[in-house]
Protein backbone atom coordinates (compact mmCIF):
# COMPACT_ATOMS: atom_id res chain seq x y z
CA GLN A 1 113.81 70.13 93.95
CA HIS A 2 112.92 70.07 97.61
CA GLU A 3 112.43 66.37 98.24
CA ALA A 4 113.41 64.87 101.55
CA THR A 5 116.89 63.34 101.57
CA GLU A 6 115.63 60.00 102.85
CA ASP A 7 112.93 59.79 100.16
CA ALA A 8 115.35 60.68 97.37
CA LEU A 9 117.92 58.11 98.49
CA GLU A 10 115.31 55.39 98.96
CA ALA A 11 114.11 55.97 95.39
CA VAL A 12 117.59 55.42 93.89
CA LYS A 13 119.12 52.90 96.29
CA ASP A 14 119.13 50.04 93.78
CA VAL A 15 120.91 52.03 91.07
CA LEU A 16 123.17 54.34 93.09
CA VAL A 17 126.82 53.91 92.05
CA HIS A 18 128.41 57.18 93.17
CA ALA A 19 127.49 59.64 95.90
CA HIS A 20 128.80 63.12 96.44
CA MET A 21 127.72 66.07 98.50
CA GLY A 22 128.04 69.79 98.32
CA ASN A 23 126.27 73.07 98.67
CA CYS A 24 124.21 75.22 96.35
CA VAL A 25 122.51 78.58 96.00
CA MET A 26 119.02 78.22 94.60
CA LYS A 27 117.98 81.87 94.79
CA GLU A 28 117.78 82.96 91.17
CA GLY A 29 120.21 85.73 90.32
CA ALA A 30 122.11 85.47 93.61
CA ALA A 31 125.90 85.15 93.67
CA GLY A 32 126.84 81.48 93.54
CA ALA A 33 123.57 80.37 91.94
CA GLY A 34 123.68 77.56 89.41
CA ASP A 35 126.22 74.77 89.15
CA GLN A 36 128.86 76.57 91.23
CA HIS A 37 129.38 74.26 94.26
CA PRO A 38 129.98 77.08 96.78
CA ARG A 39 131.60 76.50 100.14
CA PHE A 40 129.42 75.59 103.09
CA GLY A 41 128.20 78.75 104.78
CA TYR A 42 128.17 80.74 101.54
CA PRO A 43 125.58 83.57 101.52
CA ASN A 44 122.08 82.39 100.49
CA SER A 45 123.25 78.76 100.31
CA GLU A 46 121.11 75.77 101.16
CA ASN A 47 123.19 73.09 102.90
CA ASP A 48 125.02 72.94 106.20
CA ALA A 49 126.40 70.29 108.56
CA GLY A 50 122.89 69.20 109.57
CA ASP A 51 121.99 68.51 105.94
CA VAL A 52 125.27 66.66 105.37
CA ALA A 53 124.60 64.54 108.48
CA ALA A 54 121.11 63.68 107.21
CA TYR A 55 122.58 62.72 103.84
CA LEU A 56 125.27 60.49 105.37
CA GLN A 57 122.68 58.86 107.64
CA GLY A 58 120.51 58.25 104.60
CA LEU A 59 123.42 56.66 102.74
CA GLN A 60 124.05 54.37 105.72
CA LYS A 61 120.37 53.47 105.99
CA ILE A 62 120.11 52.32 102.37
CA GLY A 63 123.34 50.33 102.70
CA TYR A 64 125.42 52.53 100.42
CA LEU A 65 127.86 53.82 103.00
CA GLY A 66 129.84 51.11 104.72
CA PRO A 67 132.72 48.66 104.30
CA ASP A 68 131.79 47.65 100.73
CA ARG A 69 131.36 51.23 99.49
CA PRO A 70 133.61 53.41 101.56
CA ILE A 71 133.91 56.52 99.38
CA VAL A 72 131.74 59.61 99.21
CA SER A 73 133.08 62.74 97.58
CA PHE A 74 132.28 66.37 98.06
CA GLU A 75 132.30 69.03 95.40
CA VAL A 76 133.27 72.52 96.42
CA LYS A 77 134.67 75.31 94.31
CA PRO A 78 136.10 78.61 95.50
CA ALA A 79 134.16 81.71 94.50
CA GLU A 80 136.10 84.56 92.99
CA GLY A 81 138.63 85.80 95.54
CA GLU A 82 138.38 82.70 97.77
CA CYS A 83 141.35 80.46 98.52
CA SER A 84 141.05 76.77 97.52
CA ASP A 85 142.78 75.61 100.70
CA MET A 86 140.33 77.52 102.88
CA VAL A 87 137.31 76.20 100.97
CA ILE A 88 138.56 72.63 101.33
CA ALA A 89 139.30 73.15 105.04
CA ASN A 90 135.74 74.46 105.43
CA ALA A 91 134.36 71.32 103.75
CA LYS A 92 136.44 69.11 106.05
CA ARG A 93 135.15 70.98 109.12
CA THR A 94 131.60 70.60 107.84
CA LEU A 95 132.13 66.86 107.40
CA LYS A 96 133.56 66.48 110.89
CA ASP A 97 130.67 68.47 112.36
CA ALA A 98 128.14 66.40 110.38
CA TRP A 99 129.77 63.12 111.43
CA ALA A 100 129.67 64.19 115.09
CA ARG A 101 125.89 64.69 114.76
CA MET A 102 125.31 61.14 113.57
CA PRO A 103 124.25 58.34 115.92
CA ALA A 104 127.11 56.09 117.02
CA ALA A 105 128.55 54.57 113.87
CA ALA A 106 130.99 51.76 113.24
CA CYS A 107 132.90 53.94 110.78
CA GLU A 108 135.07 57.02 111.04
CA PRO A 109 135.77 59.40 108.15
CA THR A 110 139.21 60.17 106.85
CA VAL A 111 139.71 62.81 104.18
CA ARG A 112 142.01 62.63 101.20
CA ILE A 113 142.32 65.61 98.86
CA ILE A 114 143.02 65.09 95.19
CA ALA A 115 144.08 68.08 93.10
CA ARG A 116 143.61 68.02 89.34
CA GLY A 117 144.76 71.18 87.64
CA SER A 118 142.77 74.07 89.03
CA VAL A 119 140.06 71.83 90.47
CA ASP A 120 140.37 70.36 93.97
CA ILE A 121 138.35 67.24 94.62
CA GLY A 122 137.88 65.92 98.12
CA ASN A 123 137.36 62.21 98.54
CA ILE A 124 136.01 61.18 101.90
CA THR A 125 137.00 57.66 102.72
CA ILE A 126 134.90 56.05 105.43
CA THR A 127 137.12 53.60 107.28
CA CYS A 128 135.12 50.98 109.15
CA ARG A 129 136.40 49.56 112.44
């Protein structure tokens, strides 16, 4: 449950075929707990731009993120009363903030939003120079 990002990615690097990122609330009984994919910055949530940056750096380190595998997706879902567009904009800001925290990289993220019914899925395409 609380393993280091780098250790977790190293353990699965040879079998990793899809990577996505998101946020969670782990406090039992709290709003947003469980498989809810709350927005970044949600009360009692666990992940922020620093965590996303560490994750992206880890993906680069194991060779997952780069020209041959340019897609990472994020999963976010609006809580009751939240607007999908605002939640997606928040995820995009978090990505941009996380990317700015990374050491100089040969890739820049571009974001493409795919909407399927009532579920919005953000695909982050990493375009390498």
